[in-house]
Each structure stands twice: as C-alpha cells, then as structure tokens.
C-alpha atoms as a PDB file:
ATOM      1  CA  MET A   1     101.352 131.953 160.880  1.00  0.00           C
ATOM      2  CA  ARG A   2     102.910 133.017 164.168  1.00  0.00           C
ATOM      3  CA  ILE A   3     103.728 130.275 166.692  1.00  0.00           C
ATOM      4  CA  ALA A   4     104.912 130.845 170.266  1.00  0.00           C
ATOM      5  CA  ILE A   5     106.703 127.949 171.985  1.00  0.00           C
ATOM      6  CA  CYS A   6     106.907 128.084 175.772  1.00  0.00           C
ATOM      7  CA  GLU A   7     109.376 125.329 176.638  1.00  0.00           C
ATOM      8  CA  ASP A   8     112.295 125.330 179.082  1.00  0.00           C
ATOM      9  CA  GLU A   9     114.211 122.468 177.416  1.00  0.00           C
ATOM     10  CA  GLU A  10     116.187 124.048 174.587  1.00  0.00           C
ATOM     11  CA  ALA A  11     116.519 120.793 172.637  1.00  0.00           C
ATOM     12  CA  GLN A  12     112.755 120.292 172.707  1.00  0.00           C
ATOM     13  CA  ALA A  13     112.107 123.886 171.659  1.00  0.00           C
ATOM     14  CA  GLN A  14     114.510 123.460 168.727  1.00  0.00           C
ATOM     15  CA  TYR A  15     112.844 120.176 167.753  1.00  0.00           C
ATOM     16  CA  LEU A  16     109.368 121.743 167.705  1.00  0.00           C
ATOM     17  CA  THR A  17     110.712 124.726 165.772  1.00  0.00           C
ATOM     18  CA  ALA A  18     112.260 122.431 163.159  1.00  0.00           C
ATOM     19  CA  LEU A  19     108.997 120.491 162.821  1.00  0.00           C
ATOM     20  CA  ALA A  20     107.041 123.724 162.428  1.00  0.00           C
ATOM     21  CA  ARG A  21     109.387 124.950 159.694  1.00  0.00           C
ATOM     22  CA  ARG A  22     109.144 121.618 157.883  1.00  0.00           C
ATOM     23  CA  TRP A  23     105.347 121.863 158.034  1.00  0.00           C
ATOM     24  CA  ALA A  24     105.410 125.459 156.756  1.00  0.00           C
ATOM     25  CA  THR A  25     107.658 124.554 153.817  1.00  0.00           C
ATOM     26  CA  GLY A  26     105.378 121.701 152.810  1.00  0.00           C
ATOM     27  CA  ARG A  27     102.231 123.813 153.068  1.00  0.00           C
ATOM     28  CA  GLY A  28     103.631 126.954 151.460  1.00  0.00           C
ATOM     29  CA  GLN A  29     102.848 128.800 154.680  1.00  0.00           C
ATOM     30  CA  ALA A  30     104.780 131.834 155.914  1.00  0.00           C
ATOM     31  CA  LEU A  31     105.927 131.193 159.470  1.00  0.00           C
ATOM     32  CA  GLN A  32     107.283 133.050 162.484  1.00  0.00           C
ATOM     33  CA  VAL A  33     108.375 131.101 165.570  1.00  0.00           C
ATOM     34  CA  ASP A  34     109.255 132.687 168.922  1.00  0.00           C
ATOM     35  CA  CYS A  35     110.539 130.618 171.849  1.00  0.00           C
ATOM     36  CA  TYR A  36     110.177 131.411 175.554  1.00  0.00           C
ATOM     37  CA  PRO A  37     111.890 129.434 178.368  1.00  0.00           C
ATOM     38  CA  THR A  38     109.392 130.385 181.099  1.00  0.00           C
ATOM     39  CA  ALA A  39     105.758 131.349 181.529  1.00  0.00           C
ATOM     40  CA  GLU A  40     106.865 134.738 182.841  1.00  0.00           C
ATOM     41  CA  SER A  41     108.922 135.512 179.715  1.00  0.00           C
ATOM     42  CA  PHE A  42     105.955 134.722 177.476  1.00  0.00           C
ATOM     43  CA  TRP A  43     103.588 136.786 179.616  1.00  0.00           C
ATOM     44  CA  PHE A  44     105.953 139.759 179.520  1.00  0.00           C
ATOM     45  CA  ALA A  45     106.270 139.553 175.729  1.00  0.00           C
ATOM     46  CA  ARG A  46     102.497 139.208 175.381  1.00  0.00           C
ATOM     47  CA  GLN A  47     101.935 142.428 177.306  1.00  0.00           C
ATOM     48  CA  GLY A  48     104.228 144.123 174.809  1.00  0.00           C
ATOM     49  CA  ASP A  49     101.886 143.078 171.997  1.00  0.00           C
ATOM     50  CA  ALA A  50     103.908 140.082 170.818  1.00  0.00           C
ATOM     51  CA  GLY A  51     101.307 138.467 168.597  1.00  0.00           C
ATOM     52  CA  ALA A  52     100.777 134.720 168.150  1.00  0.00           C
ATOM     53  CA  ASP A  53      98.267 132.522 166.364  1.00  0.00           C
ATOM     54  CA  LEU A  54      99.117 129.427 168.423  1.00  0.00           C
ATOM     55  CA  LEU A  55     100.834 128.821 171.770  1.00  0.00           C
ATOM     56  CA  LEU A  56     102.647 125.504 172.242  1.00  0.00           C
ATOM     57  CA  LEU A  57     102.833 125.289 176.008  1.00  0.00           C
ATOM     58  CA  ASP A  58     104.780 122.864 178.180  1.00  0.00           C
ATOM     59  CA  ILE A  59     103.068 122.107 181.496  1.00  0.00           C
ATOM     60  CA  GLN A  60     106.215 121.600 183.575  1.00  0.00           C
ATOM     61  CA  LEU A  61     108.047 124.917 183.570  1.00  0.00           C
ATOM     62  CA  PRO A  62     110.336 126.547 186.124  1.00  0.00           C
ATOM     63  CA  GLY A  63     108.333 128.964 188.279  1.00  0.00           C
ATOM     64  CA  GLU A  64     104.789 129.366 187.023  1.00  0.00           C
ATOM     65  CA  SER A  65     103.520 126.179 185.360  1.00  0.00           C
ATOM     66  CA  GLY A  66     101.996 125.999 181.930  1.00  0.00           C
ATOM     67  CA  LEU A  67      98.581 125.299 183.430  1.00  0.00           C
ATOM     68  CA  ASP A  68      98.872 128.390 185.633  1.00  0.00           C
ATOM     69  CA  LEU A  69      99.828 130.507 182.616  1.00  0.00           C
ATOM     70  CA  ALA A  70      96.854 129.159 180.673  1.00  0.00           C
ATOM     71  CA  ARG A  71      94.533 129.989 183.581  1.00  0.00           C
ATOM     72  CA  ARG A  72      95.936 133.503 183.738  1.00  0.00           C
ATOM     73  CA  LEU A  73      95.450 133.989 179.990  1.00  0.00           C
ATOM     74  CA  ARG A  74      91.884 132.712 180.083  1.00  0.00           C
ATOM     75  CA  GLY A  75      91.187 134.830 183.163  1.00  0.00           C
ATOM     76  CA  GLU A  76      92.183 137.890 181.129  1.00  0.00           C
ATOM     77  CA  GLY A  77      89.722 136.883 178.422  1.00  0.00           C
ATOM     78  CA  GLU A  78      92.515 135.753 176.077  1.00  0.00           C
ATOM     79  CA  THR A  79      91.222 133.430 173.337  1.00  0.00           C
ATOM     80  CA  LEU A  80      94.672 132.526 171.984  1.00  0.00           C
ATOM     81  CA  PRO A  81      94.634 128.870 170.826  1.00  0.00           C
ATOM     82  CA  ILE A  82      96.749 126.774 173.215  1.00  0.00           C
ATOM     83  CA  ALA A  83      98.171 123.301 172.634  1.00  0.00           C
ATOM     84  CA  PHE A  84      99.804 121.631 175.629  1.00  0.00           C
ATOM     85  CA  VAL A  85     103.000 119.729 174.848  1.00  0.00           C
ATOM     86  CA  THR A  86     104.189 117.684 177.825  1.00  0.00           C
ATOM     87  CA  GLY A  87     105.749 114.453 178.994  1.00  0.00           C
ATOM     88  CA  LEU A  88     102.785 113.819 181.313  1.00  0.00           C
ATOM     89  CA  ASP A  89      99.240 112.843 180.383  1.00  0.00           C
ATOM     90  CA  GLU A  90      97.795 113.141 183.886  1.00  0.00           C
ATOM     91  CA  HIS A  91      96.685 116.740 183.313  1.00  0.00           C
ATOM     92  CA  LEU A  92      94.653 115.938 180.209  1.00  0.00           C
ATOM     93  CA  GLY A  93      91.330 116.876 181.817  1.00  0.00           C
ATOM     94  CA  GLU A  94      92.641 120.184 183.128  1.00  0.00           C
ATOM     95  CA  GLY A  95      94.016 121.065 179.711  1.00  0.00           C
ATOM     96  CA  TYR A  96      90.668 120.679 178.005  1.00  0.00           C
ATOM     97  CA  GLU A  97      88.907 122.591 180.777  1.00  0.00           C
ATOM     98  CA  LEU A  98      91.104 125.501 179.703  1.00  0.00           C
ATOM     99  CA  GLU A  99      89.781 125.142 176.142  1.00  0.00           C
ATOM    100  CA  ALA A 100      93.017 123.700 174.829  1.00  0.00           C
ATOM    101  CA  LEU A 101      93.090 123.172 171.089  1.00  0.00           C
ATOM    102  CA  HIS A 102      95.054 119.943 171.537  1.00  0.00           C
ATOM    103  CA  TYR A 103      97.181 117.972 173.983  1.00  0.00           C
ATOM    104  CA  LEU A 104     100.400 116.367 172.731  1.00  0.00           C
ATOM    105  CA  VAL A 105     102.430 113.932 174.804  1.00  0.00           C
ATOM    106  CA  LYS A 106     106.188 113.833 174.268  1.00  0.00           C
ATOM    107  CA  PRO A 107     107.868 112.520 172.225  1.00  0.00           C
ATOM    108  CA  VAL A 108     105.795 114.407 169.658  1.00  0.00           C
ATOM    109  CA  SER A 109     105.428 112.674 166.294  1.00  0.00           C
ATOM    110  CA  GLU A 110     105.601 114.617 163.057  1.00  0.00           C
ATOM    111  CA  GLU A 111     102.207 113.260 161.961  1.00  0.00           C
ATOM    112  CA  ARG A 112     100.354 114.444 165.061  1.00  0.00           C
ATOM    113  CA  PHE A 113     102.198 117.760 165.112  1.00  0.00           C
ATOM    114  CA  PHE A 114     101.395 118.476 161.469  1.00  0.00           C
ATOM    115  CA  ALA A 115      97.730 117.620 162.109  1.00  0.00           C
ATOM    116  CA  LEU A 116      97.702 120.139 164.963  1.00  0.00           C
ATOM    117  CA  LEU A 117      99.210 122.899 162.808  1.00  0.00           C
ATOM    118  CA  ASP A 118      96.786 122.129 159.976  1.00  0.00           C
ATOM    119  CA  ARG A 119      93.922 122.509 162.446  1.00  0.00           C
ATOM    120  CA  ALA A 120      95.313 125.767 163.810  1.00  0.00           C
ATOM    121  CA  ALA A 121      95.864 127.147 160.293  1.00  0.00           C
ATOM    122  CA  ARG A 122      92.211 126.527 159.422  1.00  0.00           C
ATOM    123  CA  ARG A 123      91.209 128.813 162.276  1.00  0.00           C
ATOM    124  CA  LEU A 124      93.180 131.783 160.958  1.00  0.00           C
ATOM    125  CA  PRO A 125      91.083 134.653 159.595  1.00  0.00           C
ATOM    126  CA  GLU A 126      91.205 134.907 155.814  1.00  0.00           C
ATOM    127  CA  PRO A 127      92.941 138.074 154.515  1.00  0.00           C
ATOM    128  CA  THR A 128      90.485 140.620 153.149  1.00  0.00           C
ATOM    129  CA  LEU A 129      90.570 144.046 151.533  1.00  0.00           C
ATOM    130  CA  VAL A 130      87.909 146.743 151.931  1.00  0.00           C
ATOM    131  CA  ILE A 131      87.522 149.049 148.919  1.00  0.00           C
ATOM    132  CA  ARG A 132      85.204 151.941 148.102  1.00  0.00           C
ATOM    133  CA  VAL A 133      83.270 151.552 144.857  1.00  0.00           C
ATOM    134  CA  GLU A 134      80.633 154.059 143.702  1.00  0.00           C
ATOM    135  CA  GLY A 135      80.230 155.440 147.207  1.00  0.00           C
ATOM    136  CA  GLU A 136      79.904 152.005 148.817  1.00  0.00           C
ATOM    137  CA  GLU A 137      82.403 149.967 150.805  1.00  0.00           C
ATOM    138  CA  ARG A 138      82.913 146.435 149.565  1.00  0.00           C
ATOM    139  CA  ARG A 139      84.856 143.583 151.097  1.00  0.00           C
ATOM    140  CA  LEU A 140      87.054 141.483 148.849  1.00  0.00           C
ATOM    141  CA  LEU A 141      88.782 138.285 149.883  1.00  0.00           C
ATOM    142  CA  GLN A 142      92.417 138.701 148.924  1.00  0.00           C
ATOM    143  CA  ARG A 143      92.374 135.298 147.244  1.00  0.00           C
ATOM    144  CA  GLU A 144      89.830 136.774 144.800  1.00  0.00           C
ATOM    145  CA  ILE A 145      92.407 139.282 143.520  1.00  0.00           C
ATOM    146  CA  PHE A 146      94.474 138.263 140.495  1.00  0.00           C
ATOM    147  CA  CYS A 147      96.737 141.284 140.338  1.00  0.00           C
ATOM    148  CA  ALA A 148      97.078 145.002 141.029  1.00  0.00           C
ATOM    149  CA  GLN A 149      98.511 147.267 138.316  1.00  0.00           C
ATOM    150  CA  ALA A 150      99.688 150.863 138.528  1.00  0.00           C
ATOM    151  CA  GLY A 151      97.784 153.338 136.370  1.00  0.00           C
ATOM    152  CA  ASP A 152      97.549 157.098 136.011  1.00  0.00           C
ATOM    153  CA  ARG A 153      97.187 158.218 139.648  1.00  0.00           C
ATOM    154  CA  GLN A 154      95.333 155.023 140.460  1.00  0.00           C
ATOM    155  CA  THR A 155      95.673 151.274 140.878  1.00  0.00           C
ATOM    156  CA  LEU A 156      93.616 148.792 138.893  1.00  0.00           C
ATOM    157  CA  LEU A 157      92.549 145.646 140.739  1.00  0.00           C
ATOM    158  CA  HIS A 158      91.815 142.682 138.495  1.00  0.00           C
ATOM    159  CA  THR A 159      89.581 140.292 140.478  1.00  0.00           C
ATOM    160  CA  LEU A 160      87.128 137.432 140.192  1.00  0.00           C
ATOM    161  CA  ARG A 161      84.353 140.013 140.597  1.00  0.00           C
ATOM    162  CA  GLY A 162      85.617 142.283 137.849  1.00  0.00           C
ATOM    163  CA  ASP A 163      88.037 145.202 137.653  1.00  0.00           C
ATOM    164  CA  PHE A 164      88.104 148.053 140.162  1.00  0.00           C
ATOM    165  CA  ALA A 165      90.021 151.328 139.934  1.00  0.00           C
ATOM    166  CA  LEU A 166      91.319 152.591 143.272  1.00  0.00           C
ATOM    167  CA  PRO A 167      92.426 156.247 143.614  1.00  0.00           C
ATOM    168  CA  LEU A 168      95.625 155.122 145.358  1.00  0.00           C
ATOM    169  CA  PRO A 169      99.232 154.535 144.265  1.00  0.00           C
ATOM    170  CA  LEU A 170     100.346 150.934 143.906  1.00  0.00           C
ATOM    171  CA  GLU A 171     102.775 151.324 146.821  1.00  0.00           C
ATOM    172  CA  LYS A 172      99.929 152.083 149.225  1.00  0.00           C
ATOM    173  CA  VAL A 173      97.798 149.202 147.958  1.00  0.00           C
ATOM    174  CA  GLU A 174     100.790 146.882 148.349  1.00  0.00           C
ATOM    175  CA  LYS A 175     100.980 147.650 152.073  1.00  0.00           C
ATOM    176  CA  THR A 176      97.397 146.424 152.566  1.00  0.00           C
ATOM    177  CA  LEU A 177      97.902 143.099 150.792  1.00  0.00           C
ATOM    178  CA  SER A 178      99.329 139.981 152.405  1.00  0.00           C
ATOM    179  CA  PRO A 179     103.034 139.519 151.564  1.00  0.00           C
ATOM    180  CA  ASP A 180     102.390 135.776 151.776  1.00  0.00           C
ATOM    181  CA  LEU A 181      99.991 135.972 148.819  1.00  0.00           C
ATOM    182  CA  PHE A 182     101.282 138.807 146.631  1.00  0.00           C
ATOM    183  CA  PHE A 183     104.598 139.591 144.984  1.00  0.00           C
ATOM    184  CA  ARG A 184     105.909 142.608 143.037  1.00  0.00           C
ATOM    185  CA  CYS A 185     106.683 140.902 139.719  1.00  0.00           C
ATOM    186  CA  HIS A 186     107.405 144.245 138.032  1.00  0.00           C
ATOM    187  CA  ARG A 187     107.702 147.827 139.212  1.00  0.00           C
ATOM    188  CA  SER A 188     104.172 148.479 137.903  1.00  0.00           C
ATOM    189  CA  CYS A 189     102.443 145.293 139.020  1.00  0.00           C
ATOM    190  CA  LEU A 190     101.667 143.068 142.000  1.00  0.00           C
ATOM    191  CA  VAL A 191     100.585 139.509 141.271  1.00  0.00           C
ATOM    192  CA  SER A 192      98.752 136.912 143.350  1.00  0.00           C
ATOM    193  CA  LEU A 193     101.074 133.933 143.745  1.00  0.00           C
ATOM    194  CA  ARG A 194      98.035 131.656 143.875  1.00  0.00           C
ATOM    195  CA  ALA A 195      96.743 132.928 140.498  1.00  0.00           C
ATOM    196  CA  ILE A 196      99.865 132.192 138.422  1.00  0.00           C
ATOM    197  CA  ALA A 197      99.342 129.392 135.899  1.00  0.00           C
ATOM    198  CA  ARG A 198     102.692 129.679 134.071  1.00  0.00           C
ATOM    199  CA  LEU A 199     105.825 131.559 134.986  1.00  0.00           C
ATOM    200  CA  GLY A 200     108.537 132.441 132.480  1.00  0.00           C
ATOM    201  CA  ARG A 201     111.664 134.569 132.598  1.00  0.00           C
ATOM    202  CA  GLU A 202     110.076 137.670 131.088  1.00  0.00           C
ATOM    203  CA  GLU A 203     106.357 137.000 131.382  1.00  0.00           C
ATOM    204  CA  LEU A 204     103.810 135.154 133.490  1.00  0.00           C
ATOM    205  CA  VAL A 205     100.307 133.965 132.670  1.00  0.00           C
ATOM    206  CA  LEU A 206      97.445 133.993 135.178  1.00  0.00           C
ATOM    207  CA  ASP A 207      94.730 131.365 135.475  1.00  0.00           C
ATOM    208  CA  ASP A 208      92.341 133.545 133.459  1.00  0.00           C
ATOM    209  CA  GLY A 209      94.871 134.068 130.659  1.00  0.00           C
ATOM    210  CA  THR A 210      96.042 137.561 131.674  1.00  0.00           C
ATOM    211  CA  ARG A 211      99.703 138.138 130.801  1.00  0.00           C
ATOM    212  CA  LEU A 212     101.977 140.241 132.994  1.00  0.00           C
ATOM    213  CA  PRO A 213     105.632 141.295 132.633  1.00  0.00           C
ATOM    214  CA  VAL A 214     108.291 139.828 134.920  1.00  0.00           C
ATOM    215  CA  SER A 215     111.240 141.962 135.968  1.00  0.00           C
ATOM    216  CA  ARG A 216     114.580 140.327 135.202  1.00  0.00           C
ATOM    217  CA  ARG A 217     115.815 141.402 138.625  1.00  0.00           C
ATOM    218  CA  MET A 218     112.801 139.992 140.491  1.00  0.00           C
ATOM    219  CA  GLY A 219     112.430 136.789 138.444  1.00  0.00           C
ATOM    220  CA  PRO A 220     114.464 134.409 140.662  1.00  0.00           C
ATOM    221  CA  GLN A 221     112.796 135.663 143.864  1.00  0.00           C
ATOM    222  CA  LEU A 222     109.384 135.405 142.232  1.00  0.00           C
ATOM    223  CA  GLY A 223     110.070 131.793 141.259  1.00  0.00           C
ATOM    224  CA  ARG A 224     110.967 130.847 144.827  1.00  0.00           C
ATOM    225  CA  ALA A 225     107.973 132.717 146.277  1.00  0.00           C
ATOM    226  CA  PHE A 226     105.643 131.054 143.742  1.00  0.00           C
ATOM    227  CA  ALA A 227     106.903 127.583 144.655  1.00  0.00           C
ATOM    228  CA  ARG A 228     106.755 128.271 148.393  1.00  0.00           C
ATOM    229  CA  CYS A 229     103.224 129.699 148.296  1.00  0.00           C
ATOM    230  CA  ASN A 230     101.925 126.740 146.329  1.00  0.00           C
ATOM    231  CA  GLY A 231     103.494 124.125 148.577  1.00  0.00           C
ATOM    232  CA  GLY A 232     106.335 123.016 146.333  1.00  0.00           C
ATOM    233  CA  MET A 233     110.025 123.450 145.734  1.00  0.00           C
ATOM    234  CA  LEU A 234     111.660 125.163 142.763  1.00  0.00           C
ATOM    235  CA  LEU A 235     113.768 122.502 141.038  1.00  0.00           C
END
C-alpha cells in the first residue's frame, strides 16, 4: 500500500508515518510512505507519476490549502482516495463534498487511524495474473496460486483451479507476481506466503500438502516474510 502524507508539521508527519508502519506490521501489509510539506510539492510529484493509494491531507498548509489541492485533483478527474487530517472540524462539509474517504481531527487516535487504513486497504484492487491456456486467456487471482516451479523451458503454476504450464522462464513469471505475496524459497520455486502451512529449515508444506524445498540461504528471509505477510512476528 502506498500512502502520501501532505503535512507541513514535521512532527505530525512523523507521527502519522509511525502509525502507518505500526498498522502495516500488524496487518502483514507491505507499505510505502511519502511525505510532502506543501500542496505544490505533492502536485509536482504527482505529475511525475508518483503513485499513491491514499492521500492523507492537512487542510491548513502554507500556500495552497489542502481543500484547494483536493479541488484541483478532483477537477482533473483524479479519483485518488483522500482523507483530511486537520486540527479544525469546521470544514467537514467541504471535505465530504470533495468525496473524502474520511475526515480525522487532530490529535489522531491509533484506533481511528487504523480503521481508516483498513477501509482504504479494502478498496485496493486484488492482484491478478492473466495466462493463456489452450488458446484462451484466463484470469487468475494471485491468491489462488500456491506456487510456481521451474520446468524444462516452462513454468508450472500449481493453483486452486489445477496446474497450468506456462511457456515462460520462472524469472519472467516472478516479475508478474506480487512481491508482497510470493517469495523465492528455492532457485527453482516461488511460493505463496499465504499458502504455507508449515515452514522448516529445509522444507515447507503448503495447505494442500504439497512439499517444496527451502534454500538454506533464503530460509531466514523466508521466515520473516512469512510472518510479516500473515500478520505476525517471527519469535
């Protein structure tokens, strides 16, 4: 999840960033946070294709206000989810007229902030993969994939819908899969972190009983990624 924070008070920006990282750790969610001190700096970065899934926007900013920035974004047809974070509640009506996802009044509590991020996360598009099977294109949800294994000039996908052989090297398939969901457990295999039932030093077992090798070199990183993806900590 990519969050942009437009806030001129550095302490507040750091506080929101810390809350967001705490939320991401607890949810097993990959996170990128970018902070901008003015509306102009965010607008400039946005024109350069700086992506975001949620904009946390202060209303009182030096120069162009947060409300003015929101109007400019909506005027350009931008559907980016916006949550206003401000010390004033007098602009509540204006915020919702601009299709704000939420309106938080400072000081922001962890409970309300986490609820906002949970809501924003539910709006994210689910990662998919389009494959060609018997002359037809099929769409797979990436959460339906258990693993991808390298074969002879092909990659075998093991999924909830069965097995599919793709005429592509594993390295190319890896680039199309979400790094938040998949991990290279061995040089010949990618595994879904959500599909692991048991994880050992040399072998892992998937929910359906499939056994896969674990590289000694990648084992510790795999353990941390597995815990993070499933919302826990490796103890």
